[in-house]
Amino acid sequence: MSDLQCAARFVVLEAQTLGELPGLVDRLAGERIAALYAAHDVAGDGAVTWLAGELGLGVEVTPGDLTPGGAGYDELADRHRGETVVVVQAGAASAPTLLLVDADGWSTEEF
């Protein structure tokens, strides 16, 4: 990962909980979302397509490993310095997370 001047901000969501998160679209609307990425195995999911429509964005398939600190986030961080991006992944249902990635590494907090 190159040296980032500003953190890339990732709002990480689980595909299976998208329809169950009250106010999600309203919270995201205030974030100035630059892009919507989805893991390969959920990119065609109806909930992901719905979210993309609500945000007025297309769905891009993520380029790599989406485990926190994984190479997929490094690549996306290089591409989205100082921007907020939504990432939808598969996995166990969990609360939305804000992942911050910069030159010092990554950190998470509840979104």
PDB file of N, CA and C in Angstrom:
ATOM      1  N   MET A   1       0.851  -1.168   0.000  1.00  0.00           N
ATOM      2  CA  MET A   1       0.000   0.000   0.000  1.00  0.00           C
ATOM      3  C   MET A   1       0.895   1.228   0.000  1.00  0.00           C
ATOM      4  N   SER A   2       0.532   2.200  -0.795  1.00  0.00           N
ATOM      5  CA  SER A   2       1.304   3.437  -0.839  1.00  0.00           C
ATOM      6  C   SER A   2       1.011   4.291   0.392  1.00  0.00           C
ATOM      7  N   ASP A   3       1.833   5.309   0.592  1.00  0.00           N
ATOM      8  CA  ASP A   3       1.666   6.195   1.740  1.00  0.00           C
ATOM      9  C   ASP A   3       0.408   7.038   1.548  1.00  0.00           C
ATOM     10  N   LEU A   4      -0.568   6.872   2.424  1.00  0.00           N
ATOM     11  CA  LEU A   4      -1.829   7.599   2.325  1.00  0.00           C
ATOM     12  C   LEU A   4      -1.771   8.876   3.149  1.00  0.00           C
ATOM     13  N   GLN A   5      -2.164   9.985   2.564  1.00  0.00           N
ATOM     14  CA  GLN A   5      -2.234  11.238   3.292  1.00  0.00           C
ATOM     15  C   GLN A   5      -3.511  11.324   4.115  1.00  0.00           C
ATOM     16  N   CYS A   6      -4.586  10.839   3.580  1.00  0.00           N
ATOM     17  CA  CYS A   6      -5.884  10.839   4.261  1.00  0.00           C
ATOM     18  C   CYS A   6      -6.383   9.398   4.326  1.00  0.00           C
ATOM     19  N   ALA A   7      -7.033   9.068   5.396  1.00  0.00           N
ATOM     20  CA  ALA A   7      -7.565   7.710   5.533  1.00  0.00           C
ATOM     21  C   ALA A   7      -8.653   7.450   4.505  1.00  0.00           C
ATOM     22  N   ALA A   8      -8.644   6.234   3.992  1.00  0.00           N
ATOM     23  CA  ALA A   8      -9.774   5.756   3.204  1.00  0.00           C
ATOM     24  C   ALA A   8     -10.773   5.218   4.215  1.00  0.00           C
ATOM     25  N   ARG A   9     -12.047   5.568   4.051  1.00  0.00           N
ATOM     26  CA  ARG A   9     -13.089   5.154   4.998  1.00  0.00           C
ATOM     27  C   ARG A   9     -13.981   4.127   4.311  1.00  0.00           C
ATOM     28  N   PHE A  10     -14.079   2.943   4.911  1.00  0.00           N
ATOM     29  CA  PHE A  10     -14.914   1.883   4.369  1.00  0.00           C
ATOM     30  C   PHE A  10     -16.052   1.596   5.332  1.00  0.00           C
ATOM     31  N   VAL A  11     -17.276   1.721   4.849  1.00  0.00           N
ATOM     32  CA  VAL A  11     -18.434   1.289   5.615  1.00  0.00           C
ATOM     33  C   VAL A  11     -18.660  -0.160   5.188  1.00  0.00           C
ATOM     34  N   VAL A  12     -18.392  -1.087   6.103  1.00  0.00           N
ATOM     35  CA  VAL A  12     -18.443  -2.510   5.794  1.00  0.00           C
ATOM     36  C   VAL A  12     -19.778  -3.074   6.271  1.00  0.00           C
ATOM     37  N   LEU A  13     -20.506  -3.673   5.322  1.00  0.00           N
ATOM     38  CA  LEU A  13     -21.838  -4.215   5.591  1.00  0.00           C
ATOM     39  C   LEU A  13     -21.889  -5.679   5.201  1.00  0.00           C
ATOM     40  N   GLU A  14     -22.759  -6.421   5.855  1.00  0.00           N
ATOM     41  CA  GLU A  14     -22.997  -7.820   5.509  1.00  0.00           C
ATOM     42  C   GLU A  14     -24.231  -7.879   4.609  1.00  0.00           C
ATOM     43  N   ALA A  15     -24.136  -8.562   3.492  1.00  0.00           N
ATOM     44  CA  ALA A  15     -25.234  -8.624   2.520  1.00  0.00           C
ATOM     45  C   ALA A  15     -26.526  -9.127   3.140  1.00  0.00           C
ATOM     46  N   GLN A  16     -26.446 -10.117   4.013  1.00  0.00           N
ATOM     47  CA  GLN A  16     -27.662 -10.725   4.556  1.00  0.00           C
ATOM     48  C   GLN A  16     -28.413  -9.817   5.517  1.00  0.00           C
ATOM     49  N   THR A  17     -27.810  -8.717   5.963  1.00  0.00           N
ATOM     50  CA  THR A  17     -28.497  -7.830   6.903  1.00  0.00           C
ATOM     51  C   THR A  17     -28.906  -6.498   6.284  1.00  0.00           C
ATOM     52  N   LEU A  18     -28.666  -6.289   5.003  1.00  0.00           N
ATOM     53  CA  LEU A  18     -28.942  -4.982   4.390  1.00  0.00           C
ATOM     54  C   LEU A  18     -30.380  -4.524   4.577  1.00  0.00           C
ATOM     55  N   GLY A  19     -31.333  -5.408   4.385  1.00  0.00           N
ATOM     56  CA  GLY A  19     -32.735  -5.041   4.522  1.00  0.00           C
ATOM     57  C   GLY A  19     -33.208  -4.908   5.958  1.00  0.00           C
ATOM     58  N   GLU A  20     -32.378  -5.304   6.905  1.00  0.00           N
ATOM     59  CA  GLU A  20     -32.766  -5.293   8.312  1.00  0.00           C
ATOM     60  C   GLU A  20     -32.153  -4.136   9.087  1.00  0.00           C
ATOM     61  N   LEU A  21     -31.491  -3.217   8.416  1.00  0.00           N
ATOM     62  CA  LEU A  21     -30.815  -2.110   9.091  1.00  0.00           C
ATOM     63  C   LEU A  21     -31.636  -0.833   8.934  1.00  0.00           C
ATOM     64  N   PRO A  22     -32.431  -0.478   9.948  1.00  0.00           N
ATOM     65  CA  PRO A  22     -33.274   0.712   9.838  1.00  0.00           C
ATOM     66  C   PRO A  22     -32.426   1.975   9.666  1.00  0.00           C
ATOM     67  N   GLY A  23     -32.824   2.796   8.729  1.00  0.00           N
ATOM     68  CA  GLY A  23     -32.145   4.070   8.517  1.00  0.00           C
ATOM     69  C   GLY A  23     -30.810   3.962   7.815  1.00  0.00           C
ATOM     70  N   LEU A  24     -30.466   2.779   7.290  1.00  0.00           N
ATOM     71  CA  LEU A  24     -29.155   2.608   6.654  1.00  0.00           C
ATOM     72  C   LEU A  24     -28.946   3.579   5.500  1.00  0.00           C
ATOM     73  N   VAL A  25     -29.911   3.670   4.604  1.00  0.00           N
ATOM     74  CA  VAL A  25     -29.757   4.545   3.442  1.00  0.00           C
ATOM     75  C   VAL A  25     -29.631   6.004   3.880  1.00  0.00           C
ATOM     76  N   ASP A  26     -30.402   6.405   4.880  1.00  0.00           N
ATOM     77  CA  ASP A  26     -30.307   7.780   5.385  1.00  0.00           C
ATOM     78  C   ASP A  26     -28.930   8.056   5.979  1.00  0.00           C
ATOM     79  N   ARG A  27     -28.390   7.104   6.734  1.00  0.00           N
ATOM     80  CA  ARG A  27     -27.048   7.289   7.312  1.00  0.00           C
ATOM     81  C   ARG A  27     -25.995   7.366   6.222  1.00  0.00           C
ATOM     82  N   LEU A  28     -26.129   6.532   5.200  1.00  0.00           N
ATOM     83  CA  LEU A  28     -25.153   6.540   4.113  1.00  0.00           C
ATOM     84  C   LEU A  28     -25.271   7.790   3.245  1.00  0.00           C
ATOM     85  N   ALA A  29     -26.482   8.318   3.100  1.00  0.00           N
ATOM     86  CA  ALA A  29     -26.690   9.510   2.269  1.00  0.00           C
ATOM     87  C   ALA A  29     -25.898  10.703   2.785  1.00  0.00           C
ATOM     88  N   GLY A  30     -25.677  10.781   4.075  1.00  0.00           N
ATOM     89  CA  GLY A  30     -24.912  11.875   4.652  1.00  0.00           C
ATOM     90  C   GLY A  30     -23.412  11.685   4.555  1.00  0.00           C
ATOM     91  N   GLU A  31     -22.961  10.596   3.956  1.00  0.00           N
ATOM     92  CA  GLU A  31     -21.539  10.258   3.911  1.00  0.00           C
ATOM     93  C   GLU A  31     -20.824  10.600   2.600  1.00  0.00           C
ATOM     94  N   ARG A  32     -21.534  11.027   1.573  1.00  0.00           N
ATOM     95  CA  ARG A  32     -20.904  11.293   0.266  1.00  0.00           C
ATOM     96  C   ARG A  32     -20.112  10.079  -0.204  1.00  0.00           C
ATOM     97  N   ILE A  33     -20.822   9.008  -0.486  1.00  0.00           N
ATOM     98  CA  ILE A  33     -20.227   7.730  -0.864  1.00  0.00           C
ATOM     99  C   ILE A  33     -19.629   7.821  -2.274  1.00  0.00           C
ATOM    100  N   ALA A  34     -18.363   7.444  -2.408  1.00  0.00           N
ATOM    101  CA  ALA A  34     -17.665   7.508  -3.693  1.00  0.00           C
ATOM    102  C   ALA A  34     -17.906   6.268  -4.550  1.00  0.00           C
ATOM    103  N   ALA A  35     -18.102   5.108  -3.920  1.00  0.00           N
ATOM    104  CA  ALA A  35     -18.273   3.867  -4.678  1.00  0.00           C
ATOM    105  C   ALA A  35     -18.911   2.805  -3.793  1.00  0.00           C
ATOM    106  N   LEU A  36     -19.480   1.806  -4.442  1.00  0.00           N
ATOM    107  CA  LEU A  36     -20.060   0.654  -3.758  1.00  0.00           C
ATOM    108  C   LEU A  36     -19.395  -0.593  -4.320  1.00  0.00           C
ATOM    109  N   TYR A  37     -18.705  -1.322  -3.455  1.00  0.00           N
ATOM    110  CA  TYR A  37     -18.048  -2.565  -3.836  1.00  0.00           C
ATOM    111  C   TYR A  37     -18.765  -3.719  -3.151  1.00  0.00           C
ATOM    112  N   ALA A  38     -18.759  -4.870  -3.817  1.00  0.00           N
ATOM    113  CA  ALA A  38     -19.339  -6.073  -3.229  1.00  0.00           C
ATOM    114  C   ALA A  38     -18.393  -7.238  -3.473  1.00  0.00           C
ATOM    115  N   ALA A  39     -18.323  -8.118  -2.490  1.00  0.00           N
ATOM    116  CA  ALA A  39     -17.540  -9.344  -2.658  1.00  0.00           C
ATOM    117  C   ALA A  39     -18.135 -10.137  -3.818  1.00  0.00           C
ATOM    118  N   HIS A  40     -17.292 -10.877  -4.492  1.00  0.00           N
ATOM    119  CA  HIS A  40     -17.714 -11.624  -5.671  1.00  0.00           C
ATOM    120  C   HIS A  40     -18.934 -12.491  -5.409  1.00  0.00           C
ATOM    121  N   ASP A  41     -18.989 -13.141  -4.244  1.00  0.00           N
ATOM    122  CA  ASP A  41     -20.079 -14.066  -3.967  1.00  0.00           C
ATOM    123  C   ASP A  41     -21.408 -13.400  -3.612  1.00  0.00           C
ATOM    124  N   VAL A  42     -21.437 -12.081  -3.437  1.00  0.00           N
ATOM    125  CA  VAL A  42     -22.698 -11.391  -3.145  1.00  0.00           C
ATOM    126  C   VAL A  42     -23.000 -10.268  -4.134  1.00  0.00           C
ATOM    127  N   ALA A  43     -22.151 -10.080  -5.134  1.00  0.00           N
ATOM    128  CA  ALA A  43     -22.292  -8.946  -6.058  1.00  0.00           C
ATOM    129  C   ALA A  43     -23.643  -8.927  -6.775  1.00  0.00           C
ATOM    130  N   GLY A  44     -24.212 -10.085  -7.078  1.00  0.00           N
ATOM    131  CA  GLY A  44     -25.495 -10.137  -7.766  1.00  0.00           C
ATOM    132  C   GLY A  44     -26.691 -10.259  -6.845  1.00  0.00           C
ATOM    133  N   ASP A  45     -26.464 -10.195  -5.552  1.00  0.00           N
ATOM    134  CA  ASP A  45     -27.517 -10.330  -4.553  1.00  0.00           C
ATOM    135  C   ASP A  45     -28.547  -9.203  -4.703  1.00  0.00           C
ATOM    136  N   GLY A  46     -29.821  -9.534  -4.531  1.00  0.00           N
ATOM    137  CA  GLY A  46     -30.887  -8.541  -4.658  1.00  0.00           C
ATOM    138  C   GLY A  46     -30.752  -7.388  -3.692  1.00  0.00           C
ATOM    139  N   ALA A  47     -30.313  -7.659  -2.466  1.00  0.00           N
ATOM    140  CA  ALA A  47     -30.153  -6.597  -1.473  1.00  0.00           C
ATOM    141  C   ALA A  47     -29.035  -5.641  -1.875  1.00  0.00           C
ATOM    142  N   VAL A  48     -27.981  -6.156  -2.477  1.00  0.00           N
ATOM    143  CA  VAL A  48     -26.875  -5.307  -2.933  1.00  0.00           C
ATOM    144  C   VAL A  48     -27.342  -4.427  -4.086  1.00  0.00           C
ATOM    145  N   THR A  49     -28.088  -5.010  -5.007  1.00  0.00           N
ATOM    146  CA  THR A  49     -28.636  -4.253  -6.129  1.00  0.00           C
ATOM    147  C   THR A  49     -29.577  -3.163  -5.638  1.00  0.00           C
ATOM    148  N   TRP A  50     -30.414  -3.489  -4.659  1.00  0.00           N
ATOM    149  CA  TRP A  50     -31.319  -2.499  -4.061  1.00  0.00           C
ATOM    150  C   TRP A  50     -30.528  -1.344  -3.455  1.00  0.00           C
ATOM    151  N   LEU A  51     -29.493  -1.656  -2.657  1.00  0.00           N
ATOM    152  CA  LEU A  51     -28.691  -0.613  -2.027  1.00  0.00           C
ATOM    153  C   LEU A  51     -28.026   0.271  -3.070  1.00  0.00           C
ATOM    154  N   ALA A  52     -27.501  -0.327  -4.120  1.00  0.00           N
ATOM    155  CA  ALA A  52     -26.875   0.449  -5.188  1.00  0.00           C
ATOM    156  C   ALA A  52     -27.879   1.428  -5.804  1.00  0.00           C
ATOM    157  N   GLY A  53     -29.098   0.956  -6.039  1.00  0.00           N
ATOM    158  CA  GLY A  53     -30.131   1.830  -6.591  1.00  0.00           C
ATOM    159  C   GLY A  53     -30.475   2.972  -5.662  1.00  0.00           C
ATOM    160  N   GLU A  54     -30.570   2.681  -4.374  1.00  0.00           N
ATOM    161  CA  GLU A  54     -30.884   3.716  -3.391  1.00  0.00           C
ATOM    162  C   GLU A  54     -29.787   4.778  -3.301  1.00  0.00           C
ATOM    163  N   LEU A  55     -28.543   4.352  -3.490  1.00  0.00           N
ATOM    164  CA  LEU A  55     -27.413   5.281  -3.399  1.00  0.00           C
ATOM    165  C   LEU A  55     -27.069   5.922  -4.741  1.00  0.00           C
ATOM    166  N   GLY A  56     -27.692   5.441  -5.810  1.00  0.00           N
ATOM    167  CA  GLY A  56     -27.405   5.977  -7.137  1.00  0.00           C
ATOM    168  C   GLY A  56     -26.022   5.594  -7.639  1.00  0.00           C
ATOM    169  N   LEU A  57     -25.577   4.403  -7.274  1.00  0.00           N
ATOM    170  CA  LEU A  57     -24.252   3.928  -7.650  1.00  0.00           C
ATOM    171  C   LEU A  57     -24.342   2.580  -8.346  1.00  0.00           C
ATOM    172  N   GLY A  58     -23.332   2.244  -9.101  1.00  0.00           N
ATOM    173  CA  GLY A  58     -23.205   0.901  -9.651  1.00  0.00           C
ATOM    174  C   GLY A  58     -22.512   0.019  -8.627  1.00  0.00           C
ATOM    175  N   VAL A  59     -22.550  -1.278  -8.860  1.00  0.00           N
ATOM    176  CA  VAL A  59     -21.870  -2.225  -7.978  1.00  0.00           C
ATOM    177  C   VAL A  59     -20.599  -2.690  -8.675  1.00  0.00           C
ATOM    178  N   GLU A  60     -19.477  -2.522  -7.999  1.00  0.00           N
ATOM    179  CA  GLU A  60     -18.203  -3.017  -8.513  1.00  0.00           C
ATOM    180  C   GLU A  60     -17.790  -4.209  -7.667  1.00  0.00           C
ATOM    181  N   VAL A  61     -17.270  -5.243  -8.318  1.00  0.00           N
ATOM    182  CA  VAL A  61     -16.809  -6.424  -7.594  1.00  0.00           C
ATOM    183  C   VAL A  61     -15.441  -6.119  -7.010  1.00  0.00           C
ATOM    184  N   THR A  62     -15.239  -6.476  -5.739  1.00  0.00           N
ATOM    185  CA  THR A  62     -13.975  -6.180  -5.063  1.00  0.00           C
ATOM    186  C   THR A  62     -12.831  -6.970  -5.678  1.00  0.00           C
ATOM    187  N   PRO A  63     -11.637  -6.376  -5.635  1.00  0.00           N
ATOM    188  CA  PRO A  63     -10.486  -6.992  -6.288  1.00  0.00           C
ATOM    189  C   PRO A  63      -9.735  -8.033  -5.478  1.00  0.00           C
ATOM    190  N   GLY A  64     -10.063  -8.248  -4.216  1.00  0.00           N
ATOM    191  CA  GLY A  64      -9.257  -9.200  -3.454  1.00  0.00           C
ATOM    192  C   GLY A  64      -9.843  -9.545  -2.106  1.00  0.00           C
ATOM    193  N   ASP A  65      -8.986  -9.996  -1.221  1.00  0.00           N
ATOM    194  CA  ASP A  65      -9.328 -10.460   0.118  1.00  0.00           C
ATOM    195  C   ASP A  65      -9.932  -9.330   0.950  1.00  0.00           C
ATOM    196  N   LEU A  66     -11.120  -9.579   1.511  1.00  0.00           N
ATOM    197  CA  LEU A  66     -11.804  -8.552   2.288  1.00  0.00           C
ATOM    198  C   LEU A  66     -11.735  -8.773   3.791  1.00  0.00           C
ATOM    199  N   THR A  67     -10.822  -9.586   4.258  1.00  0.00           N
ATOM    200  CA  THR A  67     -10.648  -9.664   5.700  1.00  0.00           C
ATOM    201  C   THR A  67      -9.990  -8.361   6.138  1.00  0.00           C
ATOM    202  N   PRO A  68     -10.331  -7.848   7.326  1.00  0.00           N
ATOM    203  CA  PRO A  68      -9.731  -6.573   7.757  1.00  0.00           C
ATOM    204  C   PRO A  68      -8.206  -6.623   7.677  1.00  0.00           C
ATOM    205  N   GLY A  69      -7.640  -5.648   7.005  1.00  0.00           N
ATOM    206  CA  GLY A  69      -6.202  -5.605   6.802  1.00  0.00           C
ATOM    207  C   GLY A  69      -5.753  -6.419   5.612  1.00  0.00           C
ATOM    208  N   GLY A  70      -6.704  -7.036   4.878  1.00  0.00           N
ATOM    209  CA  GLY A  70      -6.363  -7.871   3.728  1.00  0.00           C
ATOM    210  C   GLY A  70      -5.963  -7.058   2.513  1.00  0.00           C
ATOM    211  N   ALA A  71      -5.394  -7.725   1.544  1.00  0.00           N
ATOM    212  CA  ALA A  71      -4.897  -7.076   0.331  1.00  0.00           C
ATOM    213  C   ALA A  71      -6.009  -6.365  -0.442  1.00  0.00           C
ATOM    214  N   GLY A  72      -7.229  -6.867  -0.354  1.00  0.00           N
ATOM    215  CA  GLY A  72      -8.340  -6.210  -1.043  1.00  0.00           C
ATOM    216  C   GLY A  72      -8.558  -4.798  -0.534  1.00  0.00           C
ATOM    217  N   TYR A  73      -8.491  -4.615   0.776  1.00  0.00           N
ATOM    218  CA  TYR A  73      -8.650  -3.274   1.342  1.00  0.00           C
ATOM    219  C   TYR A  73      -7.458  -2.386   1.028  1.00  0.00           C
ATOM    220  N   ASP A  74      -6.253  -2.953   0.975  1.00  0.00           N
ATOM    221  CA  ASP A  74      -5.080  -2.154   0.611  1.00  0.00           C
ATOM    222  C   ASP A  74      -5.254  -1.562  -0.789  1.00  0.00           C
ATOM    223  N   GLU A  75      -5.689  -2.396  -1.716  1.00  0.00           N
ATOM    224  CA  GLU A  75      -5.885  -1.935  -3.087  1.00  0.00           C
ATOM    225  C   GLU A  75      -6.987  -0.871  -3.160  1.00  0.00           C
ATOM    226  N   LEU A  76      -8.090  -1.098  -2.470  1.00  0.00           N
ATOM    227  CA  LEU A  76      -9.175  -0.115  -2.463  1.00  0.00           C
ATOM    228  C   LEU A  76      -8.746   1.183  -1.778  1.00  0.00           C
ATOM    229  N   ALA A  77      -7.940   1.084  -0.723  1.00  0.00           N
ATOM    230  CA  ALA A  77      -7.464   2.284  -0.022  1.00  0.00           C
ATOM    231  C   ALA A  77      -6.595   3.129  -0.936  1.00  0.00           C
ATOM    232  N   ASP A  78      -5.759   2.489  -1.720  1.00  0.00           N
ATOM    233  CA  ASP A  78      -4.939   3.235  -2.680  1.00  0.00           C
ATOM    234  C   ASP A  78      -5.809   3.943  -3.709  1.00  0.00           C
ATOM    235  N   ARG A  79      -6.906   3.316  -4.072  1.00  0.00           N
ATOM    236  CA  ARG A  79      -7.807   3.867  -5.087  1.00  0.00           C
ATOM    237  C   ARG A  79      -8.701   4.977  -4.523  1.00  0.00           C
ATOM    238  N   HIS A  80      -8.978   4.952  -3.212  1.00  0.00           N
ATOM    239  CA  HIS A  80      -9.967   5.874  -2.629  1.00  0.00           C
ATOM    240  C   HIS A  80      -9.414   6.665  -1.444  1.00  0.00           C
ATOM    241  N   ARG A  81      -8.291   7.275  -1.605  1.00  0.00           N
ATOM    242  CA  ARG A  81      -7.698   8.096  -0.545  1.00  0.00           C
ATOM    243  C   ARG A  81      -8.636   9.234  -0.166  1.00  0.00           C
ATOM    244  N   GLY A  82      -8.908   9.360   1.113  1.00  0.00           N
ATOM    245  CA  GLY A  82      -9.738  10.448   1.605  1.00  0.00           C
ATOM    246  C   GLY A  82     -11.210  10.345   1.253  1.00  0.00           C
ATOM    247  N   GLU A  83     -11.633   9.209   0.736  1.00  0.00           N
ATOM    248  CA  GLU A  83     -13.035   9.031   0.345  1.00  0.00           C
ATOM    249  C   GLU A  83     -13.712   7.992   1.233  1.00  0.00           C
ATOM    250  N   THR A  84     -15.033   8.012   1.197  1.00  0.00           N
ATOM    251  CA  THR A  84     -15.833   7.011   1.896  1.00  0.00           C
ATOM    252  C   THR A  84     -16.421   6.059   0.864  1.00  0.00           C
ATOM    253  N   VAL A  85     -16.267   4.780   1.114  1.00  0.00           N
ATOM    254  CA  VAL A  85     -16.699   3.735   0.200  1.00  0.00           C
ATOM    255  C   VAL A  85     -17.503   2.706   0.989  1.00  0.00           C
ATOM    256  N   VAL A  86     -18.545   2.162   0.379  1.00  0.00           N
ATOM    257  CA  VAL A  86     -19.309   1.086   0.993  1.00  0.00           C
ATOM    258  C   VAL A  86     -18.805  -0.236   0.434  1.00  0.00           C
ATOM    259  N   VAL A  87     -18.570  -1.197   1.324  1.00  0.00           N
ATOM    260  CA  VAL A  87     -18.143  -2.538   0.929  1.00  0.00           C
ATOM    261  C   VAL A  87     -19.137  -3.530   1.513  1.00  0.00           C
ATOM    262  N   VAL A  88     -19.737  -4.331   0.641  1.00  0.00           N
ATOM    263  CA  VAL A  88     -20.685  -5.356   1.091  1.00  0.00           C
ATOM    264  C   VAL A  88     -20.007  -6.708   0.934  1.00  0.00           C
ATOM    265  N   GLN A  89     -20.005  -7.463   2.012  1.00  0.00           N
ATOM    266  CA  GLN A  89     -19.368  -8.777   1.983  1.00  0.00           C
ATOM    267  C   GLN A  89     -20.318  -9.829   2.513  1.00  0.00           C
ATOM    268  N   ALA A  90     -19.966 -11.077   2.280  1.00  0.00           N
ATOM    269  CA  ALA A  90     -20.731 -12.191   2.827  1.00  0.00           C
ATOM    270  C   ALA A  90     -20.188 -12.482   4.213  1.00  0.00           C
ATOM    271  N   GLY A  91     -20.865 -13.330   4.928  1.00  0.00           N
ATOM    272  CA  GLY A  91     -20.349 -13.726   6.241  1.00  0.00           C
ATOM    273  C   GLY A  91     -21.413 -13.651   7.296  1.00  0.00           C
ATOM    274  N   ALA A  92     -20.972 -13.861   8.514  1.00  0.00           N
ATOM    275  CA  ALA A  92     -21.887 -13.829   9.649  1.00  0.00           C
ATOM    276  C   ALA A  92     -22.473 -12.437   9.804  1.00  0.00           C
ATOM    277  N   ALA A  93     -23.739 -12.388  10.146  1.00  0.00           N
ATOM    278  CA  ALA A  93     -24.407 -11.099  10.327  1.00  0.00           C
ATOM    279  C   ALA A  93     -23.741 -10.326  11.458  1.00  0.00           C
ATOM    280  N   SER A  94     -23.422  -9.091  11.173  1.00  0.00           N
ATOM    281  CA  SER A  94     -22.834  -8.237  12.204  1.00  0.00           C
ATOM    282  C   SER A  94     -23.267  -6.801  11.947  1.00  0.00           C
ATOM    283  N   ALA A  95     -23.026  -5.957  12.917  1.00  0.00           N
ATOM    284  CA  ALA A  95     -23.393  -4.549  12.789  1.00  0.00           C
ATOM    285  C   ALA A  95     -22.480  -3.882  11.759  1.00  0.00           C
ATOM    286  N   PRO A  96     -22.960  -2.839  11.106  1.00  0.00           N
ATOM    287  CA  PRO A  96     -22.102  -2.101  10.170  1.00  0.00           C
ATOM    288  C   PRO A  96     -20.853  -1.588  10.889  1.00  0.00           C
ATOM    289  N   THR A  97     -19.733  -1.652  10.196  1.00  0.00           N
ATOM    290  CA  THR A  97     -18.454  -1.256  10.762  1.00  0.00           C
ATOM    291  C   THR A  97     -17.814  -0.199   9.883  1.00  0.00           C
ATOM    292  N   LEU A  98     -17.144   0.745  10.506  1.00  0.00           N
ATOM    293  CA  LEU A  98     -16.350   1.730   9.780  1.00  0.00           C
ATOM    294  C   LEU A  98     -14.899   1.297   9.895  1.00  0.00           C
ATOM    295  N   LEU A  99     -14.282   1.008   8.762  1.00  0.00           N
ATOM    296  CA  LEU A  99     -12.886   0.601   8.706  1.00  0.00           C
ATOM    297  C   LEU A  99     -12.095   1.765   8.134  1.00  0.00           C
ATOM    298  N   LEU A 100     -11.102   2.238   8.865  1.00  0.00           N
ATOM    299  CA  LEU A 100     -10.255   3.340   8.425  1.00  0.00           C
ATOM    300  C   LEU A 100      -8.885   2.776   8.064  1.00  0.00           C
ATOM    301  N   VAL A 101      -8.405   3.072   6.857  1.00  0.00           N
ATOM    302  CA  VAL A 101      -7.119   2.565   6.396  1.00  0.00           C
ATOM    303  C   VAL A 101      -6.260   3.750   5.982  1.00  0.00           C
ATOM    304  N   ASP A 102      -5.066   3.850   6.585  1.00  0.00           N
ATOM    305  CA  ASP A 102      -4.115   4.897   6.197  1.00  0.00           C
ATOM    306  C   ASP A 102      -2.703   4.342   6.295  1.00  0.00           C
ATOM    307  N   ALA A 103      -1.710   5.192   6.195  1.00  0.00           N
ATOM    308  CA  ALA A 103      -0.314   4.753   6.204  1.00  0.00           C
ATOM    309  C   ALA A 103       0.078   4.092   7.510  1.00  0.00           C
ATOM    310  N   ASP A 104      -0.636   4.367   8.594  1.00  0.00           N
ATOM    311  CA  ASP A 104      -0.326   3.775   9.891  1.00  0.00           C
ATOM    312  C   ASP A 104      -0.986   2.410  10.091  1.00  0.00           C
ATOM    313  N   GLY A 105      -1.810   1.985   9.159  1.00  0.00           N
ATOM    314  CA  GLY A 105      -2.500   0.701   9.280  1.00  0.00           C
ATOM    315  C   GLY A 105      -3.999   0.882   9.188  1.00  0.00           C
ATOM    316  N   TRP A 106      -4.734   0.064   9.933  1.00  0.00           N
ATOM    317  CA  TRP A 106      -6.188   0.145   9.889  1.00  0.00           C
ATOM    318  C   TRP A 106      -6.758   0.077  11.289  1.00  0.00           C
ATOM    319  N   SER A 107      -7.936   0.648  11.418  1.00  0.00           N
ATOM    320  CA  SER A 107      -8.663   0.614  12.680  1.00  0.00           C
ATOM    321  C   SER A 107     -10.147   0.505  12.367  1.00  0.00           C
ATOM    322  N   THR A 108     -10.916   0.015  13.329  1.00  0.00           N
ATOM    323  CA  THR A 108     -12.350  -0.135  13.128  1.00  0.00           C
ATOM    324  C   THR A 108     -13.122   0.519  14.266  1.00  0.00           C
ATOM    325  N   GLU A 109     -14.340   0.890  13.941  1.00  0.00           N
ATOM    326  CA  GLU A 109     -15.277   1.397  14.934  1.00  0.00           C
ATOM    327  C   GLU A 109     -16.677   1.105  14.414  1.00  0.00           C
ATOM    328  N   GLU A 110     -17.652   1.182  15.286  1.00  0.00           N
ATOM    329  CA  GLU A 110     -19.028   0.955  14.875  1.00  0.00           C
ATOM    330  C   GLU A 110     -19.497   2.098  14.013  1.00  0.00           C
ATOM    331  N   PHE A 111     -20.264   1.778  12.957  1.00  0.00           N
ATOM    332  CA  PHE A 111     -20.784   2.817  12.061  1.00  0.00           C
ATOM    333  C   PHE A 111     -22.109   3.310  12.570  1.00  0.00           C
TER     334      PHE A 111
END
